[in-house]
Amino acid sequence: MKTAISIRDDIFEAAERVALEMGISRSELYSKAVELFVSRHENERVTERLDAVYGEAGSSSALDGTLATLQTLSLPTDEEW
């Protein structure tokens, strides 16, 4: 699909250099850049959804001390590692 965009001159010139160095067309460079941006945005949305399910950053997900002790005691003691 064709589209028209407006970007600053310095970004355009930098993109031209990168496309030339990579040996790809300007269209391919812009397409790859948008694809990468969209992919990163989708990954951020996954992180946000996981945070909503598992809690905010910084919240404690530590195992209850009593439960941890009971789980440790339930392990065989004669097992070699």
PDB file of N, CA and C in Angstrom:
ATOM      1  N   MET A   1       0.842  -1.166   0.000  1.00  0.00           N
ATOM      2  CA  MET A   1       0.000   0.000   0.000  1.00  0.00           C
ATOM      3  C   MET A   1       0.893   1.237   0.000  1.00  0.00           C
ATOM      4  N   LYS A   2       0.511   2.196  -0.775  1.00  0.00           N
ATOM      5  CA  LYS A   2       1.254   3.458  -0.793  1.00  0.00           C
ATOM      6  C   LYS A   2       0.659   4.402   0.233  1.00  0.00           C
ATOM      7  N   THR A   3       1.554   5.192   0.833  1.00  0.00           N
ATOM      8  CA  THR A   3       1.114   6.191   1.802  1.00  0.00           C
ATOM      9  C   THR A   3       2.072   7.369   1.739  1.00  0.00           C
ATOM     10  N   ALA A   4       1.623   8.500   2.215  1.00  0.00           N
ATOM     11  CA  ALA A   4       2.480   9.687   2.272  1.00  0.00           C
ATOM     12  C   ALA A   4       2.618  10.083   3.732  1.00  0.00           C
ATOM     13  N   ILE A   5       3.848  10.386   4.146  1.00  0.00           N
ATOM     14  CA  ILE A   5       4.098  10.806   5.518  1.00  0.00           C
ATOM     15  C   ILE A   5       4.973  12.041   5.512  1.00  0.00           C
ATOM     16  N   SER A   6       4.955  12.762   6.598  1.00  0.00           N
ATOM     17  CA  SER A   6       5.831  13.919   6.770  1.00  0.00           C
ATOM     18  C   SER A   6       6.761  13.627   7.933  1.00  0.00           C
ATOM     19  N   ILE A   7       8.068  13.790   7.698  1.00  0.00           N
ATOM     20  CA  ILE A   7       9.051  13.599   8.759  1.00  0.00           C
ATOM     21  C   ILE A   7      10.069  14.727   8.698  1.00  0.00           C
ATOM     22  N   ARG A   8      10.768  14.943   9.800  1.00  0.00           N
ATOM     23  CA  ARG A   8      11.779  15.992   9.834  1.00  0.00           C
ATOM     24  C   ARG A   8      12.908  15.654   8.856  1.00  0.00           C
ATOM     25  N   ASP A   9      13.561  16.678   8.365  1.00  0.00           N
ATOM     26  CA  ASP A   9      14.657  16.514   7.410  1.00  0.00           C
ATOM     27  C   ASP A   9      15.789  15.657   7.963  1.00  0.00           C
ATOM     28  N   ASP A  10      16.156  15.871   9.250  1.00  0.00           N
ATOM     29  CA  ASP A  10      17.274  15.121   9.813  1.00  0.00           C
ATOM     30  C   ASP A  10      16.954  13.626   9.905  1.00  0.00           C
ATOM     31  N   ILE A  11      15.714  13.294  10.206  1.00  0.00           N
ATOM     32  CA  ILE A  11      15.322  11.883  10.262  1.00  0.00           C
ATOM     33  C   ILE A  11      15.329  11.283   8.856  1.00  0.00           C
ATOM     34  N   PHE A  12      14.835  12.042   7.893  1.00  0.00           N
ATOM     35  CA  PHE A  12      14.825  11.574   6.503  1.00  0.00           C
ATOM     36  C   PHE A  12      16.249  11.295   6.033  1.00  0.00           C
ATOM     37  N   GLU A  13      17.169  12.220   6.293  1.00  0.00           N
ATOM     38  CA  GLU A  13      18.556  12.049   5.855  1.00  0.00           C
ATOM     39  C   GLU A  13      19.209  10.854   6.538  1.00  0.00           C
ATOM     40  N   ALA A  14      18.938  10.671   7.831  1.00  0.00           N
ATOM     41  CA  ALA A  14      19.489   9.519   8.553  1.00  0.00           C
ATOM     42  C   ALA A  14      18.921   8.224   7.981  1.00  0.00           C
ATOM     43  N   ALA A  15      17.646   8.220   7.662  1.00  0.00           N
ATOM     44  CA  ALA A  15      17.013   7.032   7.079  1.00  0.00           C
ATOM     45  C   ALA A  15      17.610   6.723   5.712  1.00  0.00           C
ATOM     46  N   GLU A  16      17.875   7.746   4.937  1.00  0.00           N
ATOM     47  CA  GLU A  16      18.497   7.548   3.624  1.00  0.00           C
ATOM     48  C   GLU A  16      19.867   6.877   3.772  1.00  0.00           C
ATOM     49  N   ARG A  17      20.648   7.343   4.753  1.00  0.00           N
ATOM     50  CA  ARG A  17      21.979   6.759   4.988  1.00  0.00           C
ATOM     51  C   ARG A  17      21.859   5.292   5.398  1.00  0.00           C
ATOM     52  N   VAL A  18      20.938   5.013   6.310  1.00  0.00           N
ATOM     53  CA  VAL A  18      20.777   3.639   6.795  1.00  0.00           C
ATOM     54  C   VAL A  18      20.331   2.724   5.661  1.00  0.00           C
ATOM     55  N   ALA A  19      19.379   3.178   4.862  1.00  0.00           N
ATOM     56  CA  ALA A  19      18.895   2.358   3.738  1.00  0.00           C
ATOM     57  C   ALA A  19      20.037   2.077   2.764  1.00  0.00           C
ATOM     58  N   LEU A  20      20.852   3.073   2.493  1.00  0.00           N
ATOM     59  CA  LEU A  20      21.985   2.897   1.589  1.00  0.00           C
ATOM     60  C   LEU A  20      22.989   1.909   2.172  1.00  0.00           C
ATOM     61  N   GLU A  21      23.298   2.059   3.469  1.00  0.00           N
ATOM     62  CA  GLU A  21      24.238   1.143   4.126  1.00  0.00           C
ATOM     63  C   GLU A  21      23.725  -0.292   4.125  1.00  0.00           C
ATOM     64  N   MET A  22      22.413  -0.449   4.295  1.00  0.00           N
ATOM     65  CA  MET A  22      21.820  -1.784   4.352  1.00  0.00           C
ATOM     66  C   MET A  22      21.551  -2.358   2.960  1.00  0.00           C
ATOM     67  N   GLY A  23      21.633  -1.504   1.948  1.00  0.00           N
ATOM     68  CA  GLY A  23      21.367  -1.949   0.582  1.00  0.00           C
ATOM     69  C   GLY A  23      19.900  -2.264   0.332  1.00  0.00           C
ATOM     70  N   ILE A  24      19.014  -1.504   1.000  1.00  0.00           N
ATOM     71  CA  ILE A  24      17.579  -1.712   0.813  1.00  0.00           C
ATOM     72  C   ILE A  24      16.928  -0.404   0.388  1.00  0.00           C
ATOM     73  N   SER A  25      15.740  -0.511  -0.126  1.00  0.00           N
ATOM     74  CA  SER A  25      15.032   0.694  -0.559  1.00  0.00           C
ATOM     75  C   SER A  25      14.502   1.459   0.648  1.00  0.00           C
ATOM     76  N   ARG A  26      14.208   2.726   0.422  1.00  0.00           N
ATOM     77  CA  ARG A  26      13.618   3.546   1.465  1.00  0.00           C
ATOM     78  C   ARG A  26      12.290   2.943   1.913  1.00  0.00           C
ATOM     79  N   SER A  27      11.495   2.461   0.977  1.00  0.00           N
ATOM     80  CA  SER A  27      10.208   1.851   1.321  1.00  0.00           C
ATOM     81  C   SER A  27      10.396   0.639   2.224  1.00  0.00           C
ATOM     82  N   GLU A  28      11.385  -0.196   1.916  1.00  0.00           N
ATOM     83  CA  GLU A  28      11.633  -1.382   2.737  1.00  0.00           C
ATOM     84  C   GLU A  28      12.102  -0.974   4.131  1.00  0.00           C
ATOM     85  N   LEU A  29      12.957   0.047   4.210  1.00  0.00           N
ATOM     86  CA  LEU A  29      13.426   0.531   5.513  1.00  0.00           C
ATOM     87  C   LEU A  29      12.256   1.020   6.349  1.00  0.00           C
ATOM     88  N   TYR A  30      11.388   1.851   5.774  1.00  0.00           N
ATOM     89  CA  TYR A  30      10.252   2.381   6.518  1.00  0.00           C
ATOM     90  C   TYR A  30       9.301   1.262   6.917  1.00  0.00           C
ATOM     91  N   SER A  31       9.106   0.301   6.049  1.00  0.00           N
ATOM     92  CA  SER A  31       8.242  -0.826   6.352  1.00  0.00           C
ATOM     93  C   SER A  31       8.788  -1.632   7.530  1.00  0.00           C
ATOM     94  N   LYS A  32      10.101  -1.892   7.512  1.00  0.00           N
ATOM     95  CA  LYS A  32      10.731  -2.626   8.620  1.00  0.00           C
ATOM     96  C   LYS A  32      10.646  -1.828   9.919  1.00  0.00           C
ATOM     97  N   ALA A  33      10.825  -0.531   9.839  1.00  0.00           N
ATOM     98  CA  ALA A  33      10.777   0.314  11.032  1.00  0.00           C
ATOM     99  C   ALA A  33       9.374   0.307  11.640  1.00  0.00           C
ATOM    100  N   VAL A  34       8.362   0.417  10.818  1.00  0.00           N
ATOM    101  CA  VAL A  34       6.991   0.402  11.319  1.00  0.00           C
ATOM    102  C   VAL A  34       6.663  -0.973  11.895  1.00  0.00           C
ATOM    103  N   GLU A  35       7.110  -2.030  11.225  1.00  0.00           N
ATOM    104  CA  GLU A  35       6.879  -3.397  11.719  1.00  0.00           C
ATOM    105  C   GLU A  35       7.501  -3.579  13.108  1.00  0.00           C
ATOM    106  N   LEU A  36       8.732  -3.105  13.281  1.00  0.00           N
ATOM    107  CA  LEU A  36       9.413  -3.213  14.570  1.00  0.00           C
ATOM    108  C   LEU A  36       8.679  -2.405  15.639  1.00  0.00           C
ATOM    109  N   PHE A  37       8.253  -1.202  15.300  1.00  0.00           N
ATOM    110  CA  PHE A  37       7.534  -0.347  16.240  1.00  0.00           C
ATOM    111  C   PHE A  37       6.236  -1.016  16.686  1.00  0.00           C
ATOM    112  N   VAL A  38       5.487  -1.552  15.745  1.00  0.00           N
ATOM    113  CA  VAL A  38       4.224  -2.219  16.057  1.00  0.00           C
ATOM    114  C   VAL A  38       4.465  -3.441  16.932  1.00  0.00           C
ATOM    115  N   SER A  39       5.492  -4.218  16.615  1.00  0.00           N
ATOM    116  CA  SER A  39       5.825  -5.400  17.402  1.00  0.00           C
ATOM    117  C   SER A  39       6.157  -5.028  18.841  1.00  0.00           C
ATOM    118  N   ARG A  40       6.948  -4.001  19.030  1.00  0.00           N
ATOM    119  CA  ARG A  40       7.302  -3.558  20.386  1.00  0.00           C
ATOM    120  C   ARG A  40       6.066  -3.073  21.132  1.00  0.00           C
ATOM    121  N   HIS A  41       5.189  -2.367  20.435  1.00  0.00           N
ATOM    122  CA  HIS A  41       3.964  -1.874  21.062  1.00  0.00           C
ATOM    123  C   HIS A  41       3.091  -3.042  21.510  1.00  0.00           C
ATOM    124  N   GLU A  42       2.987  -4.068  20.682  1.00  0.00           N
ATOM    125  CA  GLU A  42       2.195  -5.239  21.043  1.00  0.00           C
ATOM    126  C   GLU A  42       2.809  -5.944  22.249  1.00  0.00           C
ATOM    127  N   ASN A  43       4.141  -6.020  22.317  1.00  0.00           N
ATOM    128  CA  ASN A  43       4.812  -6.624  23.467  1.00  0.00           C
ATOM    129  C   ASN A  43       4.525  -5.835  24.742  1.00  0.00           C
ATOM    130  N   GLU A  44       4.482  -4.505  24.642  1.00  0.00           N
ATOM    131  CA  GLU A  44       4.156  -3.679  25.800  1.00  0.00           C
ATOM    132  C   GLU A  44       2.733  -3.969  26.271  1.00  0.00           C
ATOM    133  N   ARG A  45       1.828  -4.180  25.335  1.00  0.00           N
ATOM    134  CA  ARG A  45       0.444  -4.484  25.699  1.00  0.00           C
ATOM    135  C   ARG A  45       0.360  -5.834  26.402  1.00  0.00           C
ATOM    136  N   VAL A  46       1.162  -6.803  25.980  1.00  0.00           N
ATOM    137  CA  VAL A  46       1.189  -8.107  26.646  1.00  0.00           C
ATOM    138  C   VAL A  46       1.656  -7.926  28.081  1.00  0.00           C
ATOM    139  N   THR A  47       2.718  -7.131  28.270  1.00  0.00           N
ATOM    140  CA  THR A  47       3.238  -6.877  29.613  1.00  0.00           C
ATOM    141  C   THR A  47       2.176  -6.206  30.485  1.00  0.00           C
ATOM    142  N   GLU A  48       1.468  -5.248  29.932  1.00  0.00           N
ATOM    143  CA  GLU A  48       0.408  -4.566  30.684  1.00  0.00           C
ATOM    144  C   GLU A  48      -0.678  -5.547  31.100  1.00  0.00           C
ATOM    145  N   ARG A  49      -1.059  -6.448  30.198  1.00  0.00           N
ATOM    146  CA  ARG A  49      -2.093  -7.429  30.524  1.00  0.00           C
ATOM    147  C   ARG A  49      -1.606  -8.406  31.591  1.00  0.00           C
ATOM    148  N   LEU A  50      -0.340  -8.831  31.491  1.00  0.00           N
ATOM    149  CA  LEU A  50       0.213  -9.729  32.515  1.00  0.00           C
ATOM    150  C   LEU A  50       0.273  -9.031  33.874  1.00  0.00           C
ATOM    151  N   ASP A  51       0.662  -7.760  33.871  1.00  0.00           N
ATOM    152  CA  ASP A  51       0.687  -7.002  35.123  1.00  0.00           C
ATOM    153  C   ASP A  51      -0.709  -6.927  35.729  1.00  0.00           C
ATOM    154  N   ALA A  52      -1.718  -6.768  34.900  1.00  0.00           N
ATOM    155  CA  ALA A  52      -3.093  -6.704  35.403  1.00  0.00           C
ATOM    156  C   ALA A  52      -3.498  -8.033  36.031  1.00  0.00           C
ATOM    157  N   VAL A  53      -3.032  -9.138  35.463  1.00  0.00           N
ATOM    158  CA  VAL A  53      -3.378 -10.455  35.992  1.00  0.00           C
ATOM    159  C   VAL A  53      -2.574 -10.770  37.238  1.00  0.00           C
ATOM    160  N   TYR A  54      -1.263 -10.519  37.189  1.00  0.00           N
ATOM    161  CA  TYR A  54      -0.372 -10.949  38.266  1.00  0.00           C
ATOM    162  C   TYR A  54      -0.020  -9.851  39.259  1.00  0.00           C
ATOM    163  N   GLY A  55      -0.493  -8.663  39.037  1.00  0.00           N
ATOM    164  CA  GLY A  55      -0.246  -7.579  39.992  1.00  0.00           C
ATOM    165  C   GLY A  55       0.732  -6.562  39.470  1.00  0.00           C
ATOM    166  N   GLU A  56       0.716  -5.442  40.102  1.00  0.00           N
ATOM    167  CA  GLU A  56       1.571  -4.320  39.739  1.00  0.00           C
ATOM    168  C   GLU A  56       3.026  -4.623  40.039  1.00  0.00           C
ATOM    169  N   ALA A  57       3.916  -3.944  39.358  1.00  0.00           N
ATOM    170  CA  ALA A  57       5.351  -4.075  39.643  1.00  0.00           C
ATOM    171  C   ALA A  57       5.593  -3.608  41.070  1.00  0.00           C
ATOM    172  N   GLY A  58       6.419  -4.342  41.782  1.00  0.00           N
ATOM    173  CA  GLY A  58       6.717  -3.983  43.153  1.00  0.00           C
ATOM    174  C   GLY A  58       5.813  -4.654  44.167  1.00  0.00           C
ATOM    175  N   SER A  59       4.726  -5.266  43.685  1.00  0.00           N
ATOM    176  CA  SER A  59       3.879  -5.971  44.638  1.00  0.00           C
ATOM    177  C   SER A  59       4.547  -7.286  45.013  1.00  0.00           C
ATOM    178  N   SER A  60       4.257  -7.753  46.180  1.00  0.00           N
ATOM    179  CA  SER A  60       4.915  -8.957  46.674  1.00  0.00           C
ATOM    180  C   SER A  60       4.222 -10.207  46.160  1.00  0.00           C
ATOM    181  N   SER A  61       4.990 -11.113  45.621  1.00  0.00           N
ATOM    182  CA  SER A  61       4.463 -12.410  45.220  1.00  0.00           C
ATOM    183  C   SER A  61       5.174 -13.505  46.000  1.00  0.00           C
ATOM    184  N   ALA A  62       5.722 -13.122  47.162  1.00  0.00           N
ATOM    185  CA  ALA A  62       6.468 -14.071  47.984  1.00  0.00           C
ATOM    186  C   ALA A  62       5.534 -15.155  48.521  1.00  0.00           C
ATOM    187  N   LEU A  63       6.083 -16.334  48.649  1.00  0.00           N
ATOM    188  CA  LEU A  63       5.358 -17.465  49.172  1.00  0.00           C
ATOM    189  C   LEU A  63       5.191 -17.309  50.680  1.00  0.00           C
ATOM    190  N   ASP A  64       4.024 -17.642  51.180  1.00  0.00           N
ATOM    191  CA  ASP A  64       3.762 -17.598  52.610  1.00  0.00           C
ATOM    192  C   ASP A  64       4.823 -18.430  53.345  1.00  0.00           C
ATOM    193  N   GLY A  65       5.371 -17.890  54.415  1.00  0.00           N
ATOM    194  CA  GLY A  65       6.453 -18.551  55.145  1.00  0.00           C
ATOM    195  C   GLY A  65       6.083 -19.926  55.657  1.00  0.00           C
ATOM    196  N   THR A  66       4.897 -20.078  56.194  1.00  0.00           N
ATOM    197  CA  THR A  66       4.454 -21.379  56.708  1.00  0.00           C
ATOM    198  C   THR A  66       4.336 -22.381  55.569  1.00  0.00           C
ATOM    199  N   LEU A  67       3.754 -21.949  54.476  1.00  0.00           N
ATOM    200  CA  LEU A  67       3.612 -22.834  53.323  1.00  0.00           C
ATOM    201  C   LEU A  67       4.978 -23.248  52.785  1.00  0.00           C
ATOM    202  N   ALA A  68       5.921 -22.313  52.725  1.00  0.00           N
ATOM    203  CA  ALA A  68       7.273 -22.629  52.253  1.00  0.00           C
ATOM    204  C   ALA A  68       7.928 -23.673  53.148  1.00  0.00           C
ATOM    205  N   THR A  69       7.760 -23.527  54.463  1.00  0.00           N
ATOM    206  CA  THR A  69       8.335 -24.492  55.406  1.00  0.00           C
ATOM    207  C   THR A  69       7.723 -25.868  55.202  1.00  0.00           C
ATOM    208  N   LEU A  70       6.399 -25.928  55.074  1.00  0.00           N
ATOM    209  CA  LEU A  70       5.714 -27.207  54.877  1.00  0.00           C
ATOM    210  C   LEU A  70       6.144 -27.873  53.569  1.00  0.00           C
ATOM    211  N   GLN A  71       6.303 -27.068  52.525  1.00  0.00           N
ATOM    212  CA  GLN A  71       6.743 -27.635  51.244  1.00  0.00           C
ATOM    213  C   GLN A  71       8.160 -28.189  51.359  1.00  0.00           C
ATOM    214  N   THR A  72       9.027 -27.479  52.042  1.00  0.00           N
ATOM    215  CA  THR A  72      10.402 -27.944  52.233  1.00  0.00           C
ATOM    216  C   THR A  72      10.421 -29.244  53.022  1.00  0.00           C
ATOM    217  N   LEU A  73       9.605 -29.335  54.064  1.00  0.00           N
ATOM    218  CA  LEU A  73       9.548 -30.538  54.886  1.00  0.00           C
ATOM    219  C   LEU A  73       8.976 -31.734  54.126  1.00  0.00           C
ATOM    220  N   SER A  74       8.202 -31.479  53.100  1.00  0.00           N
ATOM    221  CA  SER A  74       7.602 -32.576  52.336  1.00  0.00           C
ATOM    222  C   SER A  74       8.583 -33.215  51.349  1.00  0.00           C
ATOM    223  N   LEU A  75       9.742 -32.608  51.147  1.00  0.00           N
ATOM    224  CA  LEU A  75      10.734 -33.156  50.227  1.00  0.00           C
ATOM    225  C   LEU A  75      11.490 -34.300  50.888  1.00  0.00           C
ATOM    226  N   PRO A  76      11.832 -35.329  50.114  1.00  0.00           N
ATOM    227  CA  PRO A  76      12.611 -36.427  50.690  1.00  0.00           C
ATOM    228  C   PRO A  76      13.986 -35.906  51.123  1.00  0.00           C
ATOM    229  N   THR A  77      14.452 -36.417  52.275  1.00  0.00           N
ATOM    230  CA  THR A  77      15.737 -35.954  52.811  1.00  0.00           C
ATOM    231  C   THR A  77      16.897 -36.838  52.378  1.00  0.00           C
ATOM    232  N   ASP A  78      16.603 -38.011  51.821  1.00  0.00           N
ATOM    233  CA  ASP A  78      17.685 -38.932  51.439  1.00  0.00           C
ATOM    234  C   ASP A  78      18.034 -38.831  49.951  1.00  0.00           C
ATOM    235  N   GLU A  79      17.516 -37.844  49.291  1.00  0.00           N
ATOM    236  CA  GLU A  79      17.742 -37.682  47.861  1.00  0.00           C
ATOM    237  C   GLU A  79      19.048 -36.938  47.610  1.00  0.00           C
ATOM    238  N   GLU A  80      19.863 -37.451  46.646  1.00  0.00           N
ATOM    239  CA  GLU A  80      21.112 -36.774  46.298  1.00  0.00           C
ATOM    240  C   GLU A  80      20.877 -35.804  45.141  1.00  0.00           C
ATOM    241  N   TRP A  81      21.575 -34.698  45.189  1.00  0.00           N
ATOM    242  CA  TRP A  81      21.460 -33.696  44.129  1.00  0.00           C
ATOM    243  C   TRP A  81      22.624 -33.798  43.238  1.00  0.00           C
TER     244      TRP A  81
END
